[in-house]
């Protein structure tokens, strides 16, 4: 299944230096990407909140992978997770044509 994860920053006290933590975050995301778990990762603009698509066997698995990220473990961010399904709106394009065809009406092109 494919999941969409939207990052939300959590209110925290300022910390002096995030450089090492951000480097560990990048390494963790890179590993998830090379393992085929993270399919895409983007930042929103101008906020720079992460938007991640994941490929996982279950919602619980997606949550576990996100929970393993250093920024999540440090309590700095959390993710809102949504299960994605294939778009089925195209069926509306063909439903009327199928009904007309079944009724013997000529197809429109």
N, C-alpha and C. Protein backbone atom coordinates (compact mmCIF):
# COMPACT_ATOMS: atom_id res chain seq x y z
N UNK A 1 0.83 -1.17 0.00
CA UNK A 1 0.00 0.00 0.00
C UNK A 1 0.89 1.25 0.00
N UNK A 2 0.33 2.30 -0.54
CA UNK A 2 1.05 3.57 -0.57
C UNK A 2 0.42 4.52 0.45
N UNK A 3 1.29 5.27 1.12
CA UNK A 3 0.87 6.20 2.16
C UNK A 3 1.48 7.56 1.92
N UNK A 4 0.74 8.58 2.31
CA UNK A 4 1.21 9.95 2.24
C UNK A 4 1.41 10.44 3.67
N UNK A 5 2.60 10.94 3.96
CA UNK A 5 2.91 11.45 5.29
C UNK A 5 3.20 12.94 5.20
N UNK A 6 2.52 13.71 6.03
CA UNK A 6 2.69 15.16 6.06
C UNK A 6 3.30 15.54 7.41
N UNK A 7 4.44 16.19 7.35
CA UNK A 7 5.15 16.57 8.57
C UNK A 7 4.48 17.74 9.27
N UNK A 8 4.54 17.70 10.59
CA UNK A 8 4.10 18.81 11.42
C UNK A 8 5.15 19.01 12.49
N UNK A 9 5.64 20.23 12.60
CA UNK A 9 6.62 20.54 13.63
C UNK A 9 5.92 20.63 14.98
N UNK A 10 6.58 20.11 16.01
CA UNK A 10 6.03 20.16 17.36
C UNK A 10 6.68 21.31 18.13
N UNK A 11 5.91 21.95 18.99
CA UNK A 11 6.51 23.04 19.77
C UNK A 11 7.56 22.49 20.73
N UNK A 12 8.75 23.04 20.67
CA UNK A 12 9.84 22.58 21.53
C UNK A 12 10.66 23.78 21.96
N UNK A 13 11.48 23.55 22.96
CA UNK A 13 12.44 24.57 23.37
C UNK A 13 13.56 24.62 22.34
N UNK A 14 14.09 25.80 22.07
CA UNK A 14 15.18 25.90 21.10
C UNK A 14 16.40 25.10 21.56
N UNK A 15 17.03 24.46 20.61
CA UNK A 15 18.27 23.74 20.88
C UNK A 15 19.38 24.45 20.12
N UNK A 16 20.57 24.44 20.66
CA UNK A 16 21.64 25.24 20.05
C UNK A 16 22.08 24.75 18.67
N UNK A 17 22.14 23.44 18.44
CA UNK A 17 22.71 22.97 17.17
C UNK A 17 22.01 21.69 16.73
N UNK A 18 21.38 21.76 15.56
CA UNK A 18 20.69 20.61 15.00
C UNK A 18 21.50 19.93 13.91
N UNK A 19 22.69 20.39 13.61
CA UNK A 19 23.45 19.89 12.46
C UNK A 19 23.61 18.37 12.49
N UNK A 20 24.02 17.81 13.62
CA UNK A 20 24.22 16.36 13.70
C UNK A 20 22.89 15.62 13.58
N UNK A 21 21.86 16.13 14.23
CA UNK A 21 20.54 15.50 14.16
C UNK A 21 20.00 15.53 12.73
N UNK A 22 20.15 16.65 12.05
CA UNK A 22 19.68 16.75 10.66
C UNK A 22 20.47 15.83 9.74
N UNK A 23 21.74 15.66 10.00
CA UNK A 23 22.55 14.72 9.21
C UNK A 23 22.06 13.30 9.42
N UNK A 24 21.79 12.93 10.67
CA UNK A 24 21.27 11.58 10.97
C UNK A 24 19.89 11.37 10.34
N UNK A 25 19.09 12.43 10.31
CA UNK A 25 17.78 12.35 9.66
C UNK A 25 17.94 12.05 8.17
N UNK A 26 18.85 12.77 7.52
CA UNK A 26 19.09 12.56 6.09
C UNK A 26 19.57 11.14 5.82
N UNK A 27 20.45 10.61 6.66
CA UNK A 27 20.94 9.24 6.51
C UNK A 27 19.78 8.25 6.66
N UNK A 28 18.92 8.46 7.66
CA UNK A 28 17.80 7.55 7.90
C UNK A 28 16.81 7.56 6.73
N UNK A 29 16.52 8.75 6.21
CA UNK A 29 15.60 8.85 5.07
C UNK A 29 16.23 8.21 3.84
N UNK A 30 17.51 8.44 3.64
CA UNK A 30 18.20 7.83 2.50
C UNK A 30 18.14 6.30 2.58
N UNK A 31 18.34 5.75 3.77
CA UNK A 31 18.25 4.29 3.92
C UNK A 31 16.84 3.78 3.62
N UNK A 32 15.83 4.49 4.10
CA UNK A 32 14.45 4.10 3.80
C UNK A 32 14.17 4.20 2.30
N UNK A 33 14.77 5.17 1.65
CA UNK A 33 14.56 5.31 0.22
C UNK A 33 15.27 4.19 -0.55
N UNK A 34 16.50 3.87 -0.16
CA UNK A 34 17.21 2.80 -0.87
C UNK A 34 16.58 1.43 -0.59
N UNK A 35 15.86 1.30 0.53
CA UNK A 35 15.14 0.06 0.84
C UNK A 35 13.77 -0.01 0.16
N UNK A 36 13.39 1.05 -0.56
CA UNK A 36 12.12 1.06 -1.27
C UNK A 36 10.93 1.43 -0.41
N UNK A 37 11.17 1.89 0.81
CA UNK A 37 10.08 2.30 1.70
C UNK A 37 9.64 3.72 1.36
N UNK A 38 10.57 4.65 1.34
CA UNK A 38 10.27 6.02 0.93
C UNK A 38 10.35 6.07 -0.59
N UNK A 39 9.23 6.40 -1.21
CA UNK A 39 9.18 6.49 -2.67
C UNK A 39 9.57 7.88 -3.15
N UNK A 40 9.08 8.90 -2.44
CA UNK A 40 9.39 10.29 -2.77
C UNK A 40 9.41 11.09 -1.47
N UNK A 41 10.19 12.15 -1.49
CA UNK A 41 10.17 13.09 -0.37
C UNK A 41 10.37 14.49 -0.93
N UNK A 42 9.54 15.39 -0.47
CA UNK A 42 9.54 16.77 -0.93
C UNK A 42 9.46 17.68 0.29
N UNK A 43 9.77 18.96 0.08
CA UNK A 43 9.53 19.99 1.08
C UNK A 43 8.48 20.95 0.53
N UNK A 44 7.58 21.40 1.41
CA UNK A 44 6.68 22.47 1.02
C UNK A 44 7.47 23.77 1.00
N UNK A 45 6.94 24.73 0.26
CA UNK A 45 7.61 26.03 0.19
C UNK A 45 6.62 27.10 0.62
N UNK A 46 6.94 27.98 1.45
CA UNK A 46 8.26 28.26 2.00
C UNK A 46 8.51 27.60 3.36
N UNK A 47 7.55 26.84 3.90
CA UNK A 47 7.67 26.32 5.26
C UNK A 47 8.74 25.24 5.44
N UNK A 48 9.05 24.50 4.38
CA UNK A 48 9.98 23.37 4.43
C UNK A 48 9.48 22.24 5.32
N UNK A 49 8.21 21.92 5.21
CA UNK A 49 7.66 20.75 5.88
C UNK A 49 7.78 19.57 4.91
N UNK A 50 8.17 18.44 5.43
CA UNK A 50 8.35 17.26 4.58
C UNK A 50 7.00 16.67 4.16
N UNK A 51 6.95 16.25 2.91
CA UNK A 51 5.82 15.50 2.35
C UNK A 51 6.44 14.23 1.78
N UNK A 52 6.02 13.08 2.32
CA UNK A 52 6.67 11.81 2.01
C UNK A 52 5.64 10.82 1.49
N UNK A 53 5.98 10.11 0.42
CA UNK A 53 5.18 8.95 0.03
C UNK A 53 5.96 7.71 0.39
N UNK A 54 5.26 6.77 1.02
CA UNK A 54 5.88 5.52 1.47
C UNK A 54 5.16 4.34 0.85
N UNK A 55 5.88 3.27 0.63
CA UNK A 55 5.31 2.01 0.15
C UNK A 55 5.53 1.00 1.27
N UNK A 56 4.44 0.61 1.93
CA UNK A 56 4.53 -0.30 3.09
C UNK A 56 3.41 -1.33 3.03
N UNK A 57 3.61 -2.43 3.74
CA UNK A 57 2.61 -3.50 3.78
C UNK A 57 1.36 -3.09 4.56
N UNK A 58 1.51 -2.16 5.51
CA UNK A 58 0.37 -1.79 6.35
C UNK A 58 0.57 -0.39 6.91
N UNK A 59 -0.51 0.16 7.44
CA UNK A 59 -0.45 1.46 8.09
C UNK A 59 0.48 1.40 9.30
N UNK A 60 0.42 0.30 10.04
CA UNK A 60 1.29 0.14 11.22
C UNK A 60 2.76 0.15 10.80
N UNK A 61 3.07 -0.49 9.69
CA UNK A 61 4.45 -0.51 9.20
C UNK A 61 4.90 0.89 8.80
N UNK A 62 4.04 1.65 8.14
CA UNK A 62 4.37 3.03 7.76
C UNK A 62 4.62 3.87 9.00
N UNK A 63 3.76 3.71 10.02
CA UNK A 63 3.96 4.45 11.28
C UNK A 63 5.28 4.08 11.92
N UNK A 64 5.62 2.79 11.93
CA UNK A 64 6.87 2.35 12.54
C UNK A 64 8.08 2.95 11.83
N UNK A 65 8.05 2.98 10.51
CA UNK A 65 9.17 3.54 9.75
C UNK A 65 9.33 5.03 10.05
N UNK A 66 8.23 5.75 10.09
CA UNK A 66 8.30 7.18 10.39
C UNK A 66 8.76 7.41 11.83
N UNK A 67 8.32 6.57 12.74
CA UNK A 67 8.72 6.69 14.16
C UNK A 67 10.21 6.45 14.36
N UNK A 68 10.84 5.78 13.41
CA UNK A 68 12.27 5.49 13.53
C UNK A 68 13.15 6.68 13.15
N UNK A 69 12.55 7.71 12.56
CA UNK A 69 13.34 8.87 12.12
C UNK A 69 13.85 9.66 13.32
N UNK A 70 15.11 10.11 13.26
CA UNK A 70 15.69 10.85 14.39
C UNK A 70 14.91 12.08 14.83
N UNK A 71 14.35 12.85 13.90
CA UNK A 71 13.60 14.04 14.30
C UNK A 71 12.29 13.68 15.01
N UNK A 72 11.70 12.56 14.63
CA UNK A 72 10.50 12.08 15.32
C UNK A 72 10.88 11.59 16.71
N UNK A 73 11.93 10.78 16.79
CA UNK A 73 12.39 10.27 18.09
C UNK A 73 12.79 11.39 19.04
N UNK A 74 13.30 12.50 18.50
CA UNK A 74 13.70 13.64 19.33
C UNK A 74 12.50 14.49 19.75
N UNK A 75 11.31 14.17 19.24
CA UNK A 75 10.12 14.92 19.60
C UNK A 75 10.00 16.27 18.92
N UNK A 76 10.68 16.43 17.79
CA UNK A 76 10.64 17.71 17.07
C UNK A 76 9.56 17.76 16.00
N UNK A 77 9.22 16.61 15.44
CA UNK A 77 8.20 16.55 14.39
C UNK A 77 7.33 15.32 14.60
N UNK A 78 6.18 15.35 13.95
CA UNK A 78 5.32 14.17 13.85
C UNK A 78 4.75 14.17 12.44
N UNK A 79 4.13 13.07 12.07
CA UNK A 79 3.56 12.96 10.73
C UNK A 79 2.08 12.63 10.81
N UNK A 80 1.33 13.28 9.95
CA UNK A 80 -0.06 12.91 9.72
C UNK A 80 -0.01 11.92 8.54
N UNK A 81 -0.60 10.76 8.72
CA UNK A 81 -0.46 9.68 7.74
C UNK A 81 -1.80 9.39 7.08
N UNK A 82 -1.78 9.26 5.75
CA UNK A 82 -2.99 8.97 4.97
C UNK A 82 -2.72 7.79 4.05
N UNK A 83 -3.63 6.84 4.02
CA UNK A 83 -3.54 5.74 3.05
C UNK A 83 -4.01 6.27 1.70
N UNK A 84 -3.27 5.96 0.65
CA UNK A 84 -3.63 6.40 -0.69
C UNK A 84 -4.22 5.23 -1.47
N UNK A 85 -5.19 5.53 -2.28
CA UNK A 85 -5.82 4.55 -3.17
C UNK A 85 -5.72 5.08 -4.59
N UNK A 86 -5.70 4.19 -5.57
CA UNK A 86 -5.64 4.66 -6.95
C UNK A 86 -6.86 5.53 -7.29
N UNK A 87 -6.65 6.52 -8.12
CA UNK A 87 -7.71 7.41 -8.56
C UNK A 87 -8.69 6.61 -9.41
N UNK A 88 -9.97 6.66 -9.06
CA UNK A 88 -10.96 5.92 -9.84
C UNK A 88 -11.93 6.85 -10.57
N UNK A 89 -11.60 8.13 -10.62
CA UNK A 89 -12.48 9.09 -11.27
C UNK A 89 -12.66 8.88 -12.76
N UNK A 90 -11.71 8.19 -13.38
CA UNK A 90 -11.84 7.94 -14.82
C UNK A 90 -13.06 7.09 -15.13
N UNK A 91 -13.50 6.31 -14.17
CA UNK A 91 -14.68 5.47 -14.39
C UNK A 91 -15.89 6.32 -14.78
N UNK A 92 -15.93 7.57 -14.26
CA UNK A 92 -17.05 8.45 -14.60
C UNK A 92 -17.05 8.81 -16.08
N UNK A 93 -15.88 8.83 -16.69
CA UNK A 93 -15.80 9.15 -18.12
C UNK A 93 -16.40 8.05 -18.98
N UNK A 94 -16.26 6.84 -18.52
CA UNK A 94 -16.67 5.70 -19.34
C UNK A 94 -18.00 5.12 -18.94
N UNK A 95 -18.55 5.47 -17.79
CA UNK A 95 -19.82 4.92 -17.34
C UNK A 95 -20.95 5.28 -18.30
N UNK A 96 -21.04 6.55 -18.70
CA UNK A 96 -22.10 6.97 -19.62
C UNK A 96 -21.91 6.33 -20.99
N UNK A 97 -20.68 6.25 -21.47
CA UNK A 97 -20.43 5.64 -22.77
C UNK A 97 -20.80 4.16 -22.75
N UNK A 98 -20.51 3.48 -21.67
CA UNK A 98 -20.86 2.06 -21.56
C UNK A 98 -22.37 1.87 -21.55
N UNK A 99 -23.09 2.75 -20.83
CA UNK A 99 -24.55 2.66 -20.78
C UNK A 99 -25.15 2.94 -22.15
N UNK A 100 -24.61 3.97 -22.85
CA UNK A 100 -25.11 4.29 -24.19
C UNK A 100 -24.83 3.16 -25.16
N UNK A 101 -23.63 2.59 -25.06
CA UNK A 101 -23.25 1.49 -25.96
C UNK A 101 -24.16 0.29 -25.72
N UNK A 102 -24.44 0.00 -24.47
CA UNK A 102 -25.33 -1.13 -24.15
C UNK A 102 -26.73 -0.89 -24.68
N UNK A 103 -27.14 0.38 -24.74
CA UNK A 103 -28.48 0.73 -25.23
C UNK A 103 -28.52 0.84 -26.75
N UNK A 104 -27.37 0.71 -27.41
CA UNK A 104 -27.32 0.77 -28.87
C UNK A 104 -27.08 2.15 -29.43
N UNK A 105 -26.79 3.14 -28.59
CA UNK A 105 -26.54 4.50 -29.08
C UNK A 105 -25.14 4.56 -29.69
N UNK A 106 -24.94 5.38 -30.72
CA UNK A 106 -23.59 5.51 -31.31
C UNK A 106 -22.65 6.21 -30.34
N UNK A 107 -21.40 5.79 -30.36
CA UNK A 107 -20.39 6.37 -29.47
C UNK A 107 -19.98 7.74 -29.97
N UNK A 108 -19.72 8.67 -29.03
CA UNK A 108 -19.21 10.00 -29.39
C UNK A 108 -17.71 9.97 -29.35
N UNK A 109 -17.08 10.61 -30.31
CA UNK A 109 -15.62 10.67 -30.35
C UNK A 109 -15.16 12.08 -30.35
